[in-house]
Amino acid sequence: MVYRIAPLPGTFMLMSIMGFLISAVYTASGRLDLSWGFSFAFVFALMFIASVLSITPTFPRELASKSKK
């Protein structure tokens, strides 16, 4: 079975990194409660993992078939 992963834009990765850093800094400084900070950081980490998984190598056969369509 071949999994097809939808490509995500680069801004998705950028927002996940920024969101994780901001939530981590706000939690460490005490501006954000620990449970909320962990929750936000966890969601942004999941977003980052999803964006890394969506970076898939393209094989020449797939490029040739896409250009013919």
PDB file of N, CA and C in Angstrom:
ATOM      1  N   MET A   1       0.835  -1.166   0.000  1.00  0.00           N
ATOM      2  CA  MET A   1       0.000   0.000   0.000  1.00  0.00           C
ATOM      3  C   MET A   1       0.892   1.245   0.000  1.00  0.00           C
ATOM      4  N   VAL A   2       0.610   2.145  -0.900  1.00  0.00           N
ATOM      5  CA  VAL A   2       1.394   3.365  -1.010  1.00  0.00           C
ATOM      6  C   VAL A   2       0.609   4.501  -0.366  1.00  0.00           C
ATOM      7  N   TYR A   3       1.255   5.175   0.555  1.00  0.00           N
ATOM      8  CA  TYR A   3       0.618   6.312   1.208  1.00  0.00           C
ATOM      9  C   TYR A   3       0.888   7.572   0.401  1.00  0.00           C
ATOM     10  N   ARG A   4      -0.125   8.355   0.227  1.00  0.00           N
ATOM     11  CA  ARG A   4       0.042   9.639  -0.447  1.00  0.00           C
ATOM     12  C   ARG A   4      -0.114  10.740   0.597  1.00  0.00           C
ATOM     13  N   ILE A   5       0.922  11.498   0.752  1.00  0.00           N
ATOM     14  CA  ILE A   5       0.938  12.563   1.747  1.00  0.00           C
ATOM     15  C   ILE A   5       0.783  13.883   1.023  1.00  0.00           C
ATOM     16  N   ALA A   6      -0.151  14.685   1.468  1.00  0.00           N
ATOM     17  CA  ALA A   6      -0.394  15.975   0.835  1.00  0.00           C
ATOM     18  C   ALA A   6       0.759  16.915   1.155  1.00  0.00           C
ATOM     19  N   PRO A   7       1.295  17.587   0.153  1.00  0.00           N
ATOM     20  CA  PRO A   7       2.379  18.535   0.432  1.00  0.00           C
ATOM     21  C   PRO A   7       1.841  19.774   1.149  1.00  0.00           C
ATOM     22  N   LEU A   8       2.521  20.158   2.192  1.00  0.00           N
ATOM     23  CA  LEU A   8       2.120  21.333   2.962  1.00  0.00           C
ATOM     24  C   LEU A   8       3.015  22.509   2.573  1.00  0.00           C
ATOM     25  N   PRO A   9       2.480  23.716   2.614  1.00  0.00           N
ATOM     26  CA  PRO A   9       3.304  24.870   2.254  1.00  0.00           C
ATOM     27  C   PRO A   9       4.405  25.133   3.287  1.00  0.00           C
ATOM     28  N   GLY A  10       5.416  25.853   2.872  1.00  0.00           N
ATOM     29  CA  GLY A  10       6.531  26.169   3.757  1.00  0.00           C
ATOM     30  C   GLY A  10       6.127  27.043   4.928  1.00  0.00           C
ATOM     31  N   THR A  11       5.079  27.835   4.751  1.00  0.00           N
ATOM     32  CA  THR A  11       4.623  28.693   5.838  1.00  0.00           C
ATOM     33  C   THR A  11       4.047  27.872   6.992  1.00  0.00           C
ATOM     34  N   PHE A  12       3.558  26.674   6.687  1.00  0.00           N
ATOM     35  CA  PHE A  12       3.043  25.796   7.744  1.00  0.00           C
ATOM     36  C   PHE A  12       4.174  25.411   8.689  1.00  0.00           C
ATOM     37  N   MET A  13       5.327  25.090   8.134  1.00  0.00           N
ATOM     38  CA  MET A  13       6.488  24.744   8.954  1.00  0.00           C
ATOM     39  C   MET A  13       6.974  25.966   9.724  1.00  0.00           C
ATOM     40  N   LEU A  14       7.009  27.099   9.066  1.00  0.00           N
ATOM     41  CA  LEU A  14       7.446  28.331   9.720  1.00  0.00           C
ATOM     42  C   LEU A  14       6.543  28.677  10.901  1.00  0.00           C
ATOM     43  N   MET A  15       5.238  28.569  10.708  1.00  0.00           N
ATOM     44  CA  MET A  15       4.308  28.886  11.792  1.00  0.00           C
ATOM     45  C   MET A  15       4.412  27.886  12.938  1.00  0.00           C
ATOM     46  N   SER A  16       4.697  26.631  12.615  1.00  0.00           N
ATOM     47  CA  SER A  16       4.838  25.647  13.696  1.00  0.00           C
ATOM     48  C   SER A  16       6.084  25.927  14.525  1.00  0.00           C
ATOM     49  N   ILE A  17       7.175  26.312  13.875  1.00  0.00           N
ATOM     50  CA  ILE A  17       8.405  26.633  14.613  1.00  0.00           C
ATOM     51  C   ILE A  17       8.197  27.879  15.465  1.00  0.00           C
ATOM     52  N   MET A  18       7.616  28.914  14.860  1.00  0.00           N
ATOM     53  CA  MET A  18       7.384  30.155  15.613  1.00  0.00           C
ATOM     54  C   MET A  18       6.425  29.924  16.779  1.00  0.00           C
ATOM     55  N   GLY A  19       5.359  29.176  16.535  1.00  0.00           N
ATOM     56  CA  GLY A  19       4.386  28.902  17.597  1.00  0.00           C
ATOM     57  C   GLY A  19       4.990  28.117  18.741  1.00  0.00           C
ATOM     58  N   PHE A  20       5.827  27.131  18.408  1.00  0.00           N
ATOM     59  CA  PHE A  20       6.476  26.351  19.457  1.00  0.00           C
ATOM     60  C   PHE A  20       7.410  27.225  20.280  1.00  0.00           C
ATOM     61  N   LEU A  21       8.217  28.035  19.608  1.00  0.00           N
ATOM     62  CA  LEU A  21       9.160  28.888  20.343  1.00  0.00           C
ATOM     63  C   LEU A  21       8.441  29.913  21.215  1.00  0.00           C
ATOM     64  N   ILE A  22       7.408  30.528  20.678  1.00  0.00           N
ATOM     65  CA  ILE A  22       6.666  31.532  21.446  1.00  0.00           C
ATOM     66  C   ILE A  22       5.988  30.897  22.652  1.00  0.00           C
ATOM     67  N   SER A  23       5.357  29.747  22.451  1.00  0.00           N
ATOM     68  CA  SER A  23       4.689  29.097  23.585  1.00  0.00           C
ATOM     69  C   SER A  23       5.705  28.619  24.622  1.00  0.00           C
ATOM     70  N   ALA A  24       6.878  28.173  24.177  1.00  0.00           N
ATOM     71  CA  ALA A  24       7.905  27.740  25.128  1.00  0.00           C
ATOM     72  C   ALA A  24       8.448  28.926  25.929  1.00  0.00           C
ATOM     73  N   VAL A  25       8.682  30.035  25.260  1.00  0.00           N
ATOM     74  CA  VAL A  25       9.203  31.221  25.949  1.00  0.00           C
ATOM     75  C   VAL A  25       8.158  31.774  26.920  1.00  0.00           C
ATOM     76  N   TYR A  26       6.910  31.853  26.488  1.00  0.00           N
ATOM     77  CA  TYR A  26       5.859  32.373  27.366  1.00  0.00           C
ATOM     78  C   TYR A  26       5.630  31.458  28.568  1.00  0.00           C
ATOM     79  N   THR A  27       5.773  30.172  28.384  1.00  0.00           N
ATOM     80  CA  THR A  27       5.601  29.244  29.492  1.00  0.00           C
ATOM     81  C   THR A  27       6.774  29.348  30.466  1.00  0.00           C
ATOM     82  N   ALA A  28       7.980  29.452  29.916  1.00  0.00           N
ATOM     83  CA  ALA A  28       9.161  29.555  30.777  1.00  0.00           C
ATOM     84  C   ALA A  28       9.184  30.863  31.564  1.00  0.00           C
ATOM     85  N   SER A  29       8.658  31.926  30.950  1.00  0.00           N
ATOM     86  CA  SER A  29       8.678  33.213  31.645  1.00  0.00           C
ATOM     87  C   SER A  29       7.519  33.369  32.621  1.00  0.00           C
ATOM     88  N   GLY A  30       6.564  32.462  32.601  1.00  0.00           N
ATOM     89  CA  GLY A  30       5.455  32.530  33.543  1.00  0.00           C
ATOM     90  C   GLY A  30       4.260  33.292  33.031  1.00  0.00           C
ATOM     91  N   ARG A  31       4.291  33.767  31.799  1.00  0.00           N
ATOM     92  CA  ARG A  31       3.148  34.491  31.237  1.00  0.00           C
ATOM     93  C   ARG A  31       2.007  33.552  30.868  1.00  0.00           C
ATOM     94  N   LEU A  32       2.343  32.285  30.677  1.00  0.00           N
ATOM     95  CA  LEU A  32       1.364  31.287  30.275  1.00  0.00           C
ATOM     96  C   LEU A  32       1.410  30.141  31.274  1.00  0.00           C
ATOM     97  N   ASP A  33       0.243  29.661  31.676  1.00  0.00           N
ATOM     98  CA  ASP A  33       0.173  28.554  32.623  1.00  0.00           C
ATOM     99  C   ASP A  33       0.860  27.320  32.040  1.00  0.00           C
ATOM    100  N   LEU A  34       1.402  26.488  32.904  1.00  0.00           N
ATOM    101  CA  LEU A  34       2.169  25.326  32.458  1.00  0.00           C
ATOM    102  C   LEU A  34       1.337  24.363  31.612  1.00  0.00           C
ATOM    103  N   SER A  35       0.102  24.116  32.002  1.00  0.00           N
ATOM    104  CA  SER A  35      -0.729  23.176  31.239  1.00  0.00           C
ATOM    105  C   SER A  35      -1.083  23.739  29.863  1.00  0.00           C
ATOM    106  N   TRP A  36      -1.400  25.041  29.803  1.00  0.00           N
ATOM    107  CA  TRP A  36      -1.679  25.654  28.506  1.00  0.00           C
ATOM    108  C   TRP A  36      -0.429  25.713  27.647  1.00  0.00           C
ATOM    109  N   GLY A  37       0.685  26.029  28.252  1.00  0.00           N
ATOM    110  CA  GLY A  37       1.936  26.103  27.501  1.00  0.00           C
ATOM    111  C   GLY A  37       2.347  24.766  26.924  1.00  0.00           C
ATOM    112  N   PHE A  38       2.190  23.709  27.718  1.00  0.00           N
ATOM    113  CA  PHE A  38       2.499  22.380  27.217  1.00  0.00           C
ATOM    114  C   PHE A  38       1.566  21.993  26.078  1.00  0.00           C
ATOM    115  N   SER A  39       0.290  22.320  26.228  1.00  0.00           N
ATOM    116  CA  SER A  39      -0.680  21.985  25.183  1.00  0.00           C
ATOM    117  C   SER A  39      -0.358  22.694  23.878  1.00  0.00           C
ATOM    118  N   PHE A  40      -0.072  23.983  23.957  1.00  0.00           N
ATOM    119  CA  PHE A  40       0.288  24.734  22.744  1.00  0.00           C
ATOM    120  C   PHE A  40       1.568  24.200  22.127  1.00  0.00           C
ATOM    121  N   ALA A  41       2.570  23.950  22.956  1.00  0.00           N
ATOM    122  CA  ALA A  41       3.837  23.433  22.441  1.00  0.00           C
ATOM    123  C   ALA A  41       3.648  22.056  21.800  1.00  0.00           C
ATOM    124  N   PHE A  42       2.813  21.231  22.385  1.00  0.00           N
ATOM    125  CA  PHE A  42       2.547  19.905  21.834  1.00  0.00           C
ATOM    126  C   PHE A  42       1.864  19.992  20.463  1.00  0.00           C
ATOM    127  N   VAL A  43       0.883  20.864  20.335  1.00  0.00           N
ATOM    128  CA  VAL A  43       0.187  21.036  19.056  1.00  0.00           C
ATOM    129  C   VAL A  43       1.140  21.570  17.996  1.00  0.00           C
ATOM    130  N   PHE A  44       1.959  22.545  18.342  1.00  0.00           N
ATOM    131  CA  PHE A  44       2.907  23.087  17.365  1.00  0.00           C
ATOM    132  C   PHE A  44       3.984  22.064  17.007  1.00  0.00           C
ATOM    133  N   ALA A  45       4.357  21.222  17.947  1.00  0.00           N
ATOM    134  CA  ALA A  45       5.315  20.153  17.634  1.00  0.00           C
ATOM    135  C   ALA A  45       4.692  19.144  16.668  1.00  0.00           C
ATOM    136  N   LEU A  46       3.431  18.814  16.869  1.00  0.00           N
ATOM    137  CA  LEU A  46       2.739  17.931  15.925  1.00  0.00           C
ATOM    138  C   LEU A  46       2.643  18.552  14.538  1.00  0.00           C
ATOM    139  N   MET A  47       2.399  19.856  14.492  1.00  0.00           N
ATOM    140  CA  MET A  47       2.373  20.545  13.200  1.00  0.00           C
ATOM    141  C   MET A  47       3.734  20.454  12.516  1.00  0.00           C
ATOM    142  N   PHE A  48       4.804  20.611  13.284  1.00  0.00           N
ATOM    143  CA  PHE A  48       6.145  20.525  12.711  1.00  0.00           C
ATOM    144  C   PHE A  48       6.427  19.116  12.182  1.00  0.00           C
ATOM    145  N   ILE A  49       6.037  18.104  12.933  1.00  0.00           N
ATOM    146  CA  ILE A  49       6.238  16.723  12.482  1.00  0.00           C
ATOM    147  C   ILE A  49       5.456  16.467  11.196  1.00  0.00           C
ATOM    148  N   ALA A  50       4.239  16.980  11.126  1.00  0.00           N
ATOM    149  CA  ALA A  50       3.442  16.809   9.907  1.00  0.00           C
ATOM    150  C   ALA A  50       4.091  17.502   8.721  1.00  0.00           C
ATOM    151  N   SER A  51       4.677  18.674   8.947  1.00  0.00           N
ATOM    152  CA  SER A  51       5.322  19.381   7.839  1.00  0.00           C
ATOM    153  C   SER A  51       6.597  18.674   7.393  1.00  0.00           C
ATOM    154  N   VAL A  52       7.318  18.056   8.332  1.00  0.00           N
ATOM    155  CA  VAL A  52       8.515  17.302   7.950  1.00  0.00           C
ATOM    156  C   VAL A  52       8.118  16.041   7.179  1.00  0.00           C
ATOM    157  N   LEU A  53       7.049  15.387   7.604  1.00  0.00           N
ATOM    158  CA  LEU A  53       6.595  14.187   6.898  1.00  0.00           C
ATOM    159  C   LEU A  53       6.086  14.500   5.495  1.00  0.00           C
ATOM    160  N   SER A  54       5.613  15.712   5.297  1.00  0.00           N
ATOM    161  CA  SER A  54       5.094  16.060   3.971  1.00  0.00           C
ATOM    162  C   SER A  54       6.204  16.385   2.980  1.00  0.00           C
ATOM    163  N   ILE A  55       7.428  16.493   3.457  1.00  0.00           N
ATOM    164  CA  ILE A  55       8.558  16.704   2.555  1.00  0.00           C
ATOM    165  C   ILE A  55       8.950  15.336   2.022  1.00  0.00           C
ATOM    166  N   THR A  56       8.455  14.998   0.867  1.00  0.00           N
ATOM    167  CA  THR A  56       8.716  13.686   0.285  1.00  0.00           C
ATOM    168  C   THR A  56       9.573  13.843  -0.952  1.00  0.00           C
ATOM    169  N   PRO A  57      10.492  12.927  -1.174  1.00  0.00           N
ATOM    170  CA  PRO A  57      11.295  13.008  -2.388  1.00  0.00           C
ATOM    171  C   PRO A  57      10.450  12.675  -3.618  1.00  0.00           C
ATOM    172  N   THR A  58      10.719  13.357  -4.703  1.00  0.00           N
ATOM    173  CA  THR A  58      10.004  13.102  -5.939  1.00  0.00           C
ATOM    174  C   THR A  58      10.913  12.320  -6.863  1.00  0.00           C
ATOM    175  N   PHE A  59      10.423  11.216  -7.344  1.00  0.00           N
ATOM    176  CA  PHE A  59      11.202  10.371  -8.218  1.00  0.00           C
ATOM    177  C   PHE A  59      10.995  10.798  -9.664  1.00  0.00           C
ATOM    178  N   PRO A  60      11.985  10.606 -10.526  1.00  0.00           N
ATOM    179  CA  PRO A  60      11.872  11.053 -11.920  1.00  0.00           C
ATOM    180  C   PRO A  60      10.653  10.488 -12.652  1.00  0.00           C
ATOM    181  N   ARG A  61      10.271   9.248 -12.349  1.00  0.00           N
ATOM    182  CA  ARG A  61       9.088   8.666 -12.989  1.00  0.00           C
ATOM    183  C   ARG A  61       7.831   9.459 -12.652  1.00  0.00           C
ATOM    184  N   GLU A  62       7.717   9.873 -11.396  1.00  0.00           N
ATOM    185  CA  GLU A  62       6.553  10.643 -10.978  1.00  0.00           C
ATOM    186  C   GLU A  62       6.551  12.023 -11.630  1.00  0.00           C
ATOM    187  N   LEU A  63       7.710  12.627 -11.794  1.00  0.00           N
ATOM    188  CA  LEU A  63       7.785  13.925 -12.453  1.00  0.00           C
ATOM    189  C   LEU A  63       7.355  13.817 -13.907  1.00  0.00           C
ATOM    190  N   ALA A  64       7.775  12.760 -14.577  1.00  0.00           N
ATOM    191  CA  ALA A  64       7.429  12.579 -15.977  1.00  0.00           C
ATOM    192  C   ALA A  64       5.927  12.367 -16.142  1.00  0.00           C
ATOM    193  N   SER A  65       5.323  11.608 -15.241  1.00  0.00           N
ATOM    194  CA  SER A  65       3.889  11.363 -15.359  1.00  0.00           C
ATOM    195  C   SER A  65       3.088  12.614 -15.011  1.00  0.00           C
ATOM    196  N   LYS A  66       3.573  13.445 -14.124  1.00  0.00           N
ATOM    197  CA  LYS A  66       2.861  14.672 -13.773  1.00  0.00           C
ATOM    198  C   LYS A  66       2.949  15.708 -14.886  1.00  0.00           C
ATOM    199  N   SER A  67       4.064  15.744 -15.595  1.00  0.00           N
ATOM    200  CA  SER A  67       4.213  16.746 -16.648  1.00  0.00           C
ATOM    201  C   SER A  67       3.392  16.401 -17.879  1.00  0.00           C
ATOM    202  N   LYS A  68       3.054  15.137 -18.070  1.00  0.00           N
ATOM    203  CA  LYS A  68       2.257  14.729 -19.230  1.00  0.00           C
ATOM    204  C   LYS A  68       0.787  15.034 -19.042  1.00  0.00           C
ATOM    205  N   LYS A  69       0.331  15.162 -17.814  1.00  0.00           N
ATOM    206  CA  LYS A  69      -1.097  15.394 -17.555  1.00  0.00           C
ATOM    207  C   LYS A  69      -1.502  16.792 -17.825  1.00  0.00           C
TER     208      LYS A  69
END
